[in-house]
Amino acid sequence: MSRLGISIAVLFMLVLLLYVPVWMEDEPADNVRQGVDALRPAYRAKNLTTTLYGNDGKLNHQVFASAMEHYDQLGFVMFQQPEYTLYADVGTHPWKVTADEGTLYDDNLIQLESQVVIENLNPDDLVGRVTTDYIQINLDTKMMTSDQPVEISGVEYLIRSNGFTADLNTRQYELIDHVQTIYAPNP
């Protein structure tokens, strides 16, 4: 055999030795399996009640849900028929938020969808009730935002808007696109 033939054979063996381990790996199958496992909840619960306290020891919020699924790998929890009670600053009354569906993300951001009702549990406050089909609530800052049609009602008024933002701590509300206000004082 000539030097050229030996050099080609050695080069071929070297390439073969380098790429055989790469060809033998089963890594793509593991990636597919992890993707499928991510779509399965880590655990499920029915008729769940949870109470969460802040770092300062004050009550932050409570949640009840008829069903809950926790997805560890995806970083969120899905709720069916959630009922949240949000506690703002000390000395203020809590807010009760209900919806058909909810998703809580790891960064304490919750998105509620379908027949969302936010009720102020203080009967003497200016805003009594907010209804919409979608709302996003930051549970740390107590900020609510929606870009969907919203109805805000109080004792003698009804406000319709296409979205709003609200700070439950300061009780400041901002309408994104005001549509209509109906004021009907009681005689």
N, C-alpha and C. Protein backbone atom coordinates (compact mmCIF):
# COMPACT_ATOMS: atom_id res chain seq x y z
N MET A 1 0.84 -1.16 0.00
CA MET A 1 0.00 0.00 0.00
C MET A 1 0.89 1.24 0.00
N SER A 2 0.52 2.20 -0.73
CA SER A 2 1.30 3.41 -0.85
C SER A 2 1.04 4.35 0.32
N ARG A 3 1.91 5.34 0.44
CA ARG A 3 1.74 6.33 1.51
C ARG A 3 0.41 7.06 1.38
N LEU A 4 -0.02 7.36 0.19
CA LEU A 4 -1.29 8.04 -0.03
C LEU A 4 -2.46 7.19 0.46
N GLY A 5 -2.42 5.90 0.19
CA GLY A 5 -3.48 4.99 0.64
C GLY A 5 -3.50 4.88 2.15
N ILE A 6 -2.33 4.81 2.78
CA ILE A 6 -2.26 4.73 4.24
C ILE A 6 -2.74 6.04 4.87
N SER A 7 -2.36 7.16 4.29
CA SER A 7 -2.80 8.46 4.81
C SER A 7 -4.31 8.60 4.73
N ILE A 8 -4.90 8.18 3.64
CA ILE A 8 -6.37 8.25 3.49
C ILE A 8 -7.05 7.33 4.49
N ALA A 9 -6.52 6.12 4.68
CA ALA A 9 -7.10 5.16 5.62
C ALA A 9 -7.02 5.70 7.04
N VAL A 10 -5.90 6.29 7.44
CA VAL A 10 -5.73 6.85 8.78
C VAL A 10 -6.69 8.03 8.98
N LEU A 11 -6.79 8.88 7.98
CA LEU A 11 -7.69 10.02 8.06
C LEU A 11 -9.14 9.55 8.18
N PHE A 12 -9.51 8.53 7.44
CA PHE A 12 -10.87 7.97 7.50
C PHE A 12 -11.14 7.41 8.88
N MET A 13 -10.18 6.67 9.48
CA MET A 13 -10.35 6.09 10.82
C MET A 13 -10.47 7.20 11.88
N LEU A 14 -9.69 8.25 11.71
CA LEU A 14 -9.72 9.36 12.66
C LEU A 14 -11.09 10.05 12.64
N VAL A 15 -11.61 10.32 11.46
CA VAL A 15 -12.94 10.94 11.33
C VAL A 15 -14.00 10.02 11.90
N LEU A 16 -13.90 8.74 11.62
CA LEU A 16 -14.86 7.76 12.13
C LEU A 16 -14.84 7.73 13.65
N LEU A 17 -13.68 7.74 14.27
CA LEU A 17 -13.57 7.73 15.73
C LEU A 17 -14.14 9.01 16.36
N LEU A 18 -14.01 10.13 15.67
CA LEU A 18 -14.54 11.38 16.21
C LEU A 18 -16.06 11.45 16.14
N TYR A 19 -16.66 10.94 15.11
CA TYR A 19 -18.10 11.11 14.90
C TYR A 19 -18.96 9.95 15.36
N VAL A 20 -18.40 8.79 15.65
CA VAL A 20 -19.21 7.65 16.12
C VAL A 20 -19.93 7.99 17.42
N PRO A 21 -19.26 8.58 18.43
CA PRO A 21 -19.99 8.90 19.67
C PRO A 21 -21.14 9.89 19.43
N VAL A 22 -20.96 10.84 18.52
CA VAL A 22 -22.02 11.81 18.22
C VAL A 22 -23.20 11.11 17.56
N TRP A 23 -22.93 10.16 16.70
CA TRP A 23 -24.00 9.45 16.00
C TRP A 23 -24.75 8.52 16.94
N MET A 24 -24.10 8.07 18.01
CA MET A 24 -24.70 7.10 18.92
C MET A 24 -25.58 7.75 20.00
N GLU A 25 -25.51 9.06 20.14
CA GLU A 25 -26.28 9.73 21.19
C GLU A 25 -27.78 9.65 20.94
N ASP A 26 -28.56 9.60 22.06
CA ASP A 26 -30.02 9.58 21.99
C ASP A 26 -30.62 10.89 22.50
N GLU A 27 -29.88 11.95 22.45
CA GLU A 27 -30.32 13.23 23.00
C GLU A 27 -31.61 13.77 22.40
N PRO A 28 -31.84 13.70 21.10
CA PRO A 28 -33.10 14.24 20.57
C PRO A 28 -34.33 13.58 21.18
N ALA A 29 -34.28 12.31 21.50
CA ALA A 29 -35.42 11.63 22.11
C ALA A 29 -35.67 12.19 23.50
N ASP A 30 -34.61 12.52 24.26
CA ASP A 30 -34.78 13.10 25.59
C ASP A 30 -35.42 14.48 25.51
N ASN A 31 -35.01 15.27 24.53
CA ASN A 31 -35.60 16.60 24.37
C ASN A 31 -37.08 16.50 24.07
N VAL A 32 -37.48 15.55 23.25
CA VAL A 32 -38.89 15.36 22.94
C VAL A 32 -39.64 14.93 24.19
N ARG A 33 -39.05 14.05 24.97
CA ARG A 33 -39.68 13.57 26.19
C ARG A 33 -39.85 14.72 27.18
N GLN A 34 -38.84 15.57 27.35
CA GLN A 34 -38.95 16.70 28.25
C GLN A 34 -40.04 17.65 27.79
N GLY A 35 -40.19 17.86 26.49
CA GLY A 35 -41.23 18.73 25.96
C GLY A 35 -42.61 18.18 26.26
N VAL A 36 -42.77 16.86 26.14
CA VAL A 36 -44.06 16.23 26.44
C VAL A 36 -44.33 16.29 27.93
N ASP A 37 -43.31 16.06 28.77
CA ASP A 37 -43.49 16.13 30.22
C ASP A 37 -43.85 17.53 30.68
N ALA A 38 -43.35 18.54 30.00
CA ALA A 38 -43.65 19.93 30.37
C ALA A 38 -45.14 20.23 30.18
N LEU A 39 -45.79 19.53 29.27
CA LEU A 39 -47.21 19.76 29.01
C LEU A 39 -48.12 19.04 30.00
N ARG A 40 -47.54 18.22 30.84
CA ARG A 40 -48.30 17.53 31.89
C ARG A 40 -48.13 18.27 33.20
N PRO A 41 -49.21 18.47 33.95
CA PRO A 41 -49.07 19.17 35.22
C PRO A 41 -48.26 18.33 36.22
N ALA A 42 -47.47 19.01 37.03
CA ALA A 42 -46.69 18.33 38.06
C ALA A 42 -47.63 17.76 39.13
N TYR A 43 -48.70 18.52 39.43
CA TYR A 43 -49.74 18.01 40.32
C TYR A 43 -51.04 18.76 40.07
N ARG A 44 -52.11 18.15 40.54
CA ARG A 44 -53.45 18.71 40.41
C ARG A 44 -54.12 18.72 41.77
N ALA A 45 -55.05 19.65 41.95
CA ALA A 45 -55.80 19.72 43.20
C ALA A 45 -57.23 20.15 42.89
N LYS A 46 -58.15 19.72 43.72
CA LYS A 46 -59.55 20.13 43.61
C LYS A 46 -59.96 20.81 44.90
N ASN A 47 -60.81 21.81 44.78
CA ASN A 47 -61.31 22.57 45.93
C ASN A 47 -60.17 23.02 46.83
N LEU A 48 -59.24 23.74 46.24
CA LEU A 48 -58.02 24.18 46.89
C LEU A 48 -58.21 25.57 47.50
N THR A 49 -57.74 25.75 48.73
CA THR A 49 -57.70 27.06 49.36
C THR A 49 -56.26 27.32 49.80
N THR A 50 -55.72 28.48 49.41
CA THR A 50 -54.35 28.84 49.75
C THR A 50 -54.34 30.25 50.32
N THR A 51 -53.54 30.46 51.36
CA THR A 51 -53.35 31.77 51.96
C THR A 51 -51.87 32.11 51.86
N LEU A 52 -51.57 33.31 51.33
CA LEU A 52 -50.18 33.73 51.15
C LEU A 52 -49.92 35.00 51.94
N TYR A 53 -48.82 34.99 52.69
CA TYR A 53 -48.41 36.15 53.47
C TYR A 53 -47.18 36.78 52.82
N GLY A 54 -47.02 38.08 52.96
CA GLY A 54 -45.86 38.79 52.42
C GLY A 54 -44.65 38.60 53.32
N ASN A 55 -43.52 39.15 52.90
CA ASN A 55 -42.29 39.06 53.69
C ASN A 55 -42.41 39.75 55.04
N ASP A 56 -43.32 40.73 55.13
CA ASP A 56 -43.52 41.46 56.38
C ASP A 56 -44.50 40.75 57.32
N GLY A 57 -45.03 39.59 56.91
CA GLY A 57 -45.94 38.83 57.74
C GLY A 57 -47.40 39.21 57.59
N LYS A 58 -47.68 40.20 56.74
CA LYS A 58 -49.07 40.64 56.54
C LYS A 58 -49.74 39.76 55.48
N LEU A 59 -51.03 39.60 55.63
CA LEU A 59 -51.81 38.80 54.69
C LEU A 59 -51.78 39.47 53.32
N ASN A 60 -51.34 38.75 52.29
CA ASN A 60 -51.22 39.29 50.94
C ASN A 60 -52.45 38.93 50.11
N HIS A 61 -52.75 37.65 50.01
CA HIS A 61 -53.94 37.24 49.29
C HIS A 61 -54.32 35.81 49.66
N GLN A 62 -55.57 35.50 49.41
CA GLN A 62 -56.10 34.16 49.57
C GLN A 62 -56.72 33.76 48.25
N VAL A 63 -56.66 32.47 47.94
CA VAL A 63 -57.26 31.99 46.70
C VAL A 63 -57.98 30.68 46.98
N PHE A 64 -59.15 30.57 46.40
CA PHE A 64 -59.89 29.31 46.36
C PHE A 64 -60.12 29.00 44.89
N ALA A 65 -59.99 27.73 44.52
CA ALA A 65 -60.26 27.32 43.15
C ALA A 65 -60.91 25.94 43.17
N SER A 66 -61.85 25.73 42.25
CA SER A 66 -62.48 24.41 42.16
C SER A 66 -61.52 23.37 41.63
N ALA A 67 -60.56 23.79 40.78
CA ALA A 67 -59.53 22.89 40.27
C ALA A 67 -58.27 23.70 39.99
N MET A 68 -57.10 23.05 40.18
CA MET A 68 -55.83 23.72 39.97
C MET A 68 -54.85 22.71 39.37
N GLU A 69 -54.05 23.19 38.40
CA GLU A 69 -52.99 22.38 37.81
C GLU A 69 -51.70 23.18 37.84
N HIS A 70 -50.63 22.60 38.38
CA HIS A 70 -49.34 23.29 38.49
C HIS A 70 -48.37 22.70 37.48
N TYR A 71 -47.82 23.56 36.63
CA TYR A 71 -46.86 23.17 35.60
C TYR A 71 -45.48 23.72 36.01
N ASP A 72 -44.67 22.88 36.65
CA ASP A 72 -43.34 23.29 37.14
C ASP A 72 -42.44 23.79 36.03
N GLN A 73 -42.29 22.99 34.97
CA GLN A 73 -41.34 23.31 33.91
C GLN A 73 -41.74 24.56 33.13
N LEU A 74 -43.02 24.82 33.01
CA LEU A 74 -43.48 25.99 32.26
C LEU A 74 -43.62 27.23 33.15
N GLY A 75 -43.65 27.06 34.46
CA GLY A 75 -43.65 28.18 35.38
C GLY A 75 -44.99 28.85 35.60
N PHE A 76 -46.08 28.09 35.60
CA PHE A 76 -47.38 28.69 35.91
C PHE A 76 -48.33 27.68 36.53
N VAL A 77 -49.40 28.24 37.11
CA VAL A 77 -50.48 27.46 37.72
C VAL A 77 -51.77 27.89 37.05
N MET A 78 -52.58 26.92 36.64
CA MET A 78 -53.89 27.21 36.03
C MET A 78 -54.99 26.91 37.03
N PHE A 79 -55.97 27.82 37.10
CA PHE A 79 -57.09 27.67 38.03
C PHE A 79 -58.40 27.61 37.25
N GLN A 80 -59.34 26.84 37.76
CA GLN A 80 -60.72 26.84 37.28
C GLN A 80 -61.58 27.45 38.39
N GLN A 81 -62.42 28.40 38.02
CA GLN A 81 -63.31 29.09 38.96
C GLN A 81 -62.54 29.69 40.15
N PRO A 82 -61.48 30.49 39.88
CA PRO A 82 -60.73 31.06 41.00
C PRO A 82 -61.50 32.18 41.69
N GLU A 83 -61.30 32.26 42.99
CA GLU A 83 -61.83 33.35 43.82
C GLU A 83 -60.66 33.88 44.63
N TYR A 84 -60.17 35.06 44.26
CA TYR A 84 -59.05 35.69 44.94
C TYR A 84 -59.58 36.74 45.90
N THR A 85 -58.98 36.82 47.07
CA THR A 85 -59.21 37.92 47.98
C THR A 85 -57.87 38.62 48.13
N LEU A 86 -57.81 39.87 47.66
CA LEU A 86 -56.57 40.65 47.66
C LEU A 86 -56.61 41.66 48.80
N TYR A 87 -55.55 41.66 49.58
CA TYR A 87 -55.44 42.59 50.69
C TYR A 87 -54.44 43.68 50.32
N ALA A 88 -54.89 44.91 50.31
CA ALA A 88 -54.01 46.04 49.98
C ALA A 88 -53.34 46.51 51.27
N ASP A 89 -53.13 47.80 51.41
CA ASP A 89 -52.48 48.35 52.59
C ASP A 89 -53.31 48.09 53.85
N VAL A 90 -52.63 48.15 54.99
CA VAL A 90 -53.30 47.97 56.28
C VAL A 90 -54.35 49.05 56.46
N GLY A 91 -55.50 48.67 56.98
CA GLY A 91 -56.56 49.63 57.22
C GLY A 91 -57.55 49.76 56.08
N THR A 92 -57.27 49.12 54.94
CA THR A 92 -58.21 49.14 53.83
C THR A 92 -58.89 47.79 53.73
N HIS A 93 -60.06 47.80 53.17
CA HIS A 93 -60.81 46.56 53.00
C HIS A 93 -60.27 45.78 51.80
N PRO A 94 -60.40 44.46 51.84
CA PRO A 94 -59.90 43.65 50.73
C PRO A 94 -60.83 43.72 49.51
N TRP A 95 -60.32 43.20 48.40
CA TRP A 95 -61.06 43.08 47.15
C TRP A 95 -61.24 41.61 46.84
N LYS A 96 -62.42 41.25 46.36
CA LYS A 96 -62.68 39.87 45.97
C LYS A 96 -62.76 39.82 44.44
N VAL A 97 -61.96 38.94 43.84
CA VAL A 97 -61.88 38.82 42.38
C VAL A 97 -62.27 37.39 42.01
N THR A 98 -63.27 37.26 41.12
CA THR A 98 -63.69 35.94 40.65
C THR A 98 -63.65 35.91 39.12
N ALA A 99 -63.49 34.70 38.58
CA ALA A 99 -63.45 34.52 37.13
C ALA A 99 -63.71 33.05 36.83
N ASP A 100 -63.87 32.75 35.55
CA ASP A 100 -64.02 31.36 35.14
C ASP A 100 -62.68 30.64 35.07
N GLU A 101 -61.62 31.37 34.62
CA GLU A 101 -60.30 30.77 34.48
C GLU A 101 -59.24 31.76 34.94
N GLY A 102 -58.13 31.22 35.42
CA GLY A 102 -57.02 32.07 35.82
C GLY A 102 -55.70 31.36 35.64
N THR A 103 -54.65 32.15 35.41
CA THR A 103 -53.30 31.62 35.28
C THR A 103 -52.38 32.47 36.14
N LEU A 104 -51.70 31.84 37.08
CA LEU A 104 -50.76 32.51 37.97
C LEU A 104 -49.35 32.14 37.52
N TYR A 105 -48.53 33.16 37.23
CA TYR A 105 -47.16 32.94 36.78
C TYR A 105 -46.20 33.07 37.96
N ASP A 106 -44.99 32.57 37.79
CA ASP A 106 -43.99 32.56 38.86
C ASP A 106 -43.64 33.95 39.37
N ASP A 107 -43.83 34.98 38.57
CA ASP A 107 -43.51 36.34 38.99
C ASP A 107 -44.68 37.04 39.70
N ASN A 108 -45.64 36.25 40.23
CA ASN A 108 -46.82 36.74 40.94
C ASN A 108 -47.71 37.63 40.08
N LEU A 109 -47.79 37.30 38.82
CA LEU A 109 -48.69 37.98 37.89
C LEU A 109 -49.81 36.99 37.56
N ILE A 110 -51.05 37.42 37.75
CA ILE A 110 -52.18 36.53 37.45
C ILE A 110 -52.99 37.15 36.33
N GLN A 111 -53.42 36.30 35.40
CA GLN A 111 -54.31 36.70 34.32
C GLN A 111 -55.62 35.96 34.52
N LEU A 112 -56.70 36.71 34.60
CA LEU A 112 -58.03 36.14 34.78
C LEU A 112 -58.84 36.39 33.53
N GLU A 113 -59.60 35.37 33.13
CA GLU A 113 -60.37 35.46 31.89
C GLU A 113 -61.78 34.95 32.10
N SER A 114 -62.69 35.50 31.30
CA SER A 114 -64.07 35.07 31.21
C SER A 114 -64.86 35.39 32.48
N GLN A 115 -65.76 36.34 32.34
CA GLN A 115 -66.66 36.77 33.41
C GLN A 115 -65.91 37.15 34.69
N VAL A 116 -64.98 38.07 34.54
CA VAL A 116 -64.19 38.55 35.67
C VAL A 116 -64.99 39.60 36.43
N VAL A 117 -65.09 39.42 37.74
CA VAL A 117 -65.81 40.35 38.61
C VAL A 117 -64.88 40.71 39.76
N ILE A 118 -64.66 42.02 39.95
CA ILE A 118 -63.84 42.52 41.04
C ILE A 118 -64.76 43.31 41.96
N GLU A 119 -64.89 42.87 43.20
CA GLU A 119 -65.80 43.51 44.15
C GLU A 119 -65.01 44.12 45.29
N ASN A 120 -65.31 45.35 45.60
CA ASN A 120 -64.72 46.02 46.74
C ASN A 120 -65.53 45.60 47.97
N LEU A 121 -64.88 45.04 48.97
CA LEU A 121 -65.59 44.58 50.16
C LEU A 121 -65.84 45.70 51.16
N ASN A 122 -65.52 46.95 50.77
CA ASN A 122 -65.86 48.12 51.57
C ASN A 122 -67.09 48.77 50.94
N PRO A 123 -68.25 48.68 51.57
CA PRO A 123 -69.47 49.21 50.96
C PRO A 123 -69.48 50.74 50.85
N ASP A 124 -68.62 51.43 51.58
CA ASP A 124 -68.61 52.89 51.57
C ASP A 124 -67.62 53.48 50.56
N ASP A 125 -66.88 52.66 49.84
CA ASP A 125 -65.88 53.15 48.90
C ASP A 125 -66.53 53.63 47.60
N LEU A 126 -65.82 54.48 46.87
CA LEU A 126 -66.34 55.05 45.63
C LEU A 126 -66.59 53.98 44.56
N VAL A 127 -65.63 53.10 44.33
CA VAL A 127 -65.79 52.03 43.35
C VAL A 127 -66.25 50.78 44.07
N GLY A 128 -67.37 50.25 43.63
CA GLY A 128 -67.93 49.06 44.27
C GLY A 128 -67.66 47.78 43.52
N ARG A 129 -67.69 47.88 42.17
CA ARG A 129 -67.59 46.65 41.38
C ARG A 129 -67.01 46.97 40.01
N VAL A 130 -66.17 46.07 39.49
CA VAL A 130 -65.60 46.17 38.16
C VAL A 130 -65.84 44.84 37.47
N THR A 131 -66.37 44.88 36.23
CA THR A 131 -66.58 43.65 35.47
C THR A 131 -65.90 43.78 34.11
N THR A 132 -65.34 42.66 33.64
CA THR A 132 -64.66 42.61 32.35
C THR A 132 -64.49 41.14 31.95
N ASP A 133 -63.94 40.91 30.78
CA ASP A 133 -63.66 39.54 30.36
C ASP A 133 -62.20 39.16 30.51
N TYR A 134 -61.34 40.13 30.81
CA TYR A 134 -59.91 39.86 30.98
C TYR A 134 -59.30 40.91 31.89
N ILE A 135 -58.46 40.46 32.80
CA ILE A 135 -57.72 41.38 33.64
C ILE A 135 -56.40 40.73 34.05
N GLN A 136 -55.41 41.57 34.23
CA GLN A 136 -54.09 41.12 34.67
C GLN A 136 -53.81 41.83 35.99
N ILE A 137 -53.41 41.07 37.01
CA ILE A 137 -53.17 41.63 38.34
C ILE A 137 -51.77 41.26 38.80
N ASN A 138 -51.01 42.27 39.21
CA ASN A 138 -49.72 42.03 39.83
C ASN A 138 -49.98 41.90 41.33
N LEU A 139 -49.78 40.70 41.87
CA LEU A 139 -50.10 40.46 43.26
C LEU A 139 -49.13 41.14 44.22
N ASP A 140 -47.95 41.51 43.76
CA ASP A 140 -46.98 42.20 44.61
C ASP A 140 -47.31 43.68 44.74
N THR A 141 -47.61 44.33 43.62
CA THR A 141 -47.87 45.78 43.63
C THR A 141 -49.36 46.11 43.73
N LYS A 142 -50.22 45.13 43.57
CA LYS A 142 -51.69 45.31 43.59
C LYS A 142 -52.17 46.23 42.46
N MET A 143 -51.50 46.13 41.31
CA MET A 143 -51.89 46.88 40.12
C MET A 143 -52.74 45.98 39.23
N MET A 144 -53.87 46.51 38.73
CA MET A 144 -54.74 45.78 37.82
C MET A 144 -54.74 46.50 36.48
N THR A 145 -54.70 45.75 35.38
CA THR A 145 -54.79 46.34 34.05
C THR A 145 -55.67 45.47 33.17
N SER A 146 -56.37 46.12 32.26
CA SER A 146 -57.19 45.41 31.28
C SER A 146 -57.25 46.26 30.01
N ASP A 147 -57.22 45.58 28.87
CA ASP A 147 -57.41 46.29 27.60
C ASP A 147 -58.73 45.89 26.95
N GLN A 148 -59.59 45.24 27.70
CA GLN A 148 -60.90 44.80 27.24
C GLN A 148 -61.98 45.76 27.75
N PRO A 149 -63.19 45.69 27.21
CA PRO A 149 -64.29 46.51 27.74
C PRO A 149 -64.50 46.26 29.23
N VAL A 150 -64.68 47.36 29.97
CA VAL A 150 -64.78 47.31 31.42
C VAL A 150 -65.99 48.12 31.86
N GLU A 151 -66.71 47.62 32.87
CA GLU A 151 -67.77 48.39 33.52
C GLU A 151 -67.38 48.59 34.98
N ILE A 152 -67.37 49.85 35.40
CA ILE A 152 -67.05 50.21 36.77
C ILE A 152 -68.32 50.81 37.37
N SER A 153 -68.75 50.24 38.48
CA SER A 153 -70.00 50.75 39.07
C SER A 153 -69.79 51.10 40.54
N GLY A 154 -70.58 52.08 40.95
CA GLY A 154 -70.60 52.53 42.33
C GLY A 154 -72.04 52.70 42.77
N VAL A 155 -72.25 53.46 43.82
CA VAL A 155 -73.58 53.62 44.39
C VAL A 155 -74.54 54.29 43.41
N GLU A 156 -74.13 55.35 42.74
CA GLU A 156 -75.05 56.09 41.87
C GLU A 156 -74.52 56.30 40.46
N TYR A 157 -73.59 55.47 40.02
CA TYR A 157 -73.03 55.68 38.68
C TYR A 157 -72.59 54.35 38.06
N LEU A 158 -72.41 54.42 36.74
CA LEU A 158 -71.88 53.31 35.95
C LEU A 158 -70.96 53.91 34.89
N ILE A 159 -69.74 53.41 34.81
CA ILE A 159 -68.77 53.90 33.82
C ILE A 159 -68.39 52.74 32.91
N ARG A 160 -68.43 53.01 31.61
CA ARG A 160 -67.99 52.02 30.62
C ARG A 160 -66.73 52.54 29.95
N SER A 161 -65.77 51.63 29.77
CA SER A 161 -64.49 52.01 29.18
C SER A 161 -63.92 50.83 28.42
N ASN A 162 -63.05 51.12 27.48
CA ASN A 162 -62.33 50.06 26.76
C ASN A 162 -60.95 49.92 27.38
N GLY A 163 -60.89 49.40 28.59
CA GLY A 163 -59.65 49.19 29.31
C GLY A 163 -59.46 50.18 30.43
N PHE A 164 -58.66 49.78 31.41
CA PHE A 164 -58.35 50.65 32.54
C PHE A 164 -57.13 50.10 33.29
N THR A 165 -56.58 50.93 34.14
CA THR A 165 -55.56 50.50 35.09
C THR A 165 -56.02 50.96 36.47
N ALA A 166 -55.66 50.20 37.47
CA ALA A 166 -56.06 50.54 38.84
C ALA A 166 -54.96 50.15 39.80
N ASP A 167 -54.75 50.99 40.79
CA ASP A 167 -53.84 50.70 41.89
C ASP A 167 -54.70 50.51 43.13
N LEU A 168 -54.77 49.29 43.62
CA LEU A 168 -55.64 49.00 44.76
C LEU A 168 -55.11 49.62 46.05
N ASN A 169 -53.79 49.86 46.12
CA ASN A 169 -53.23 50.47 47.32
C ASN A 169 -53.62 51.94 47.44
N THR A 170 -53.50 52.69 46.36
CA THR A 170 -53.81 54.13 46.39
C THR A 170 -55.24 54.41 45.97
N ARG A 171 -55.93 53.41 45.45
CA ARG A 171 -57.30 53.53 44.94
C ARG A 171 -57.39 54.59 43.85
N GLN A 172 -56.40 54.56 42.95
CA GLN A 172 -56.42 55.43 41.78
C GLN A 172 -56.74 54.58 40.57
N TYR A 173 -57.66 55.10 39.74
CA TYR A 173 -58.14 54.38 38.56
C TYR A 173 -57.94 55.26 37.33
N GLU A 174 -57.52 54.66 36.25
CA GLU A 174 -57.33 55.40 35.01
C GLU A 174 -58.03 54.67 33.88
N LEU A 175 -58.92 55.39 33.20
CA LEU A 175 -59.62 54.81 32.05
C LEU A 175 -58.76 54.98 30.81
N ILE A 176 -58.61 53.90 30.04
CA ILE A 176 -57.80 53.97 28.83
C ILE A 176 -58.58 54.62 27.70
N ASP A 177 -59.81 54.21 27.50
CA ASP A 177 -60.65 54.76 26.43
C ASP A 177 -62.08 54.84 26.96
N HIS A 178 -62.40 55.99 27.58
CA HIS A 178 -63.71 56.18 28.18
C HIS A 178 -64.80 56.13 27.11
N VAL A 179 -65.86 55.39 27.39
CA VAL A 179 -66.96 55.24 26.44
C VAL A 179 -68.20 56.00 26.93
N GLN A 180 -68.61 55.74 28.18
CA GLN A 180 -69.86 56.31 28.66
C GLN A 180 -69.87 56.33 30.19
N THR A 181 -70.50 57.39 30.75
CA THR A 181 -70.74 57.46 32.17
C THR A 181 -72.21 57.75 32.40
N ILE A 182 -72.84 56.98 33.26
CA ILE A 182 -74.24 57.18 33.60
C ILE A 182 -74.29 57.51 35.09
N TYR A 183 -74.82 58.68 35.40
CA TYR A 183 -74.96 59.12 36.78
C TYR A 183 -76.43 59.23 37.10
N ALA A 184 -76.87 58.51 38.12
CA ALA A 184 -78.30 58.53 38.49
C ALA A 184 -78.41 58.65 40.00
N PRO A 185 -78.42 59.88 40.52
CA PRO A 185 -78.54 60.03 41.98
C PRO A 185 -79.93 59.61 42.47
N ASN A 186 -79.94 59.07 43.66
CA ASN A 186 -81.22 58.69 44.28
C ASN A 186 -81.90 59.94 44.84
N PRO A 187 -83.21 60.11 44.57
CA PRO A 187 -83.90 61.31 45.08
C PRO A 187 -84.16 61.25 46.56
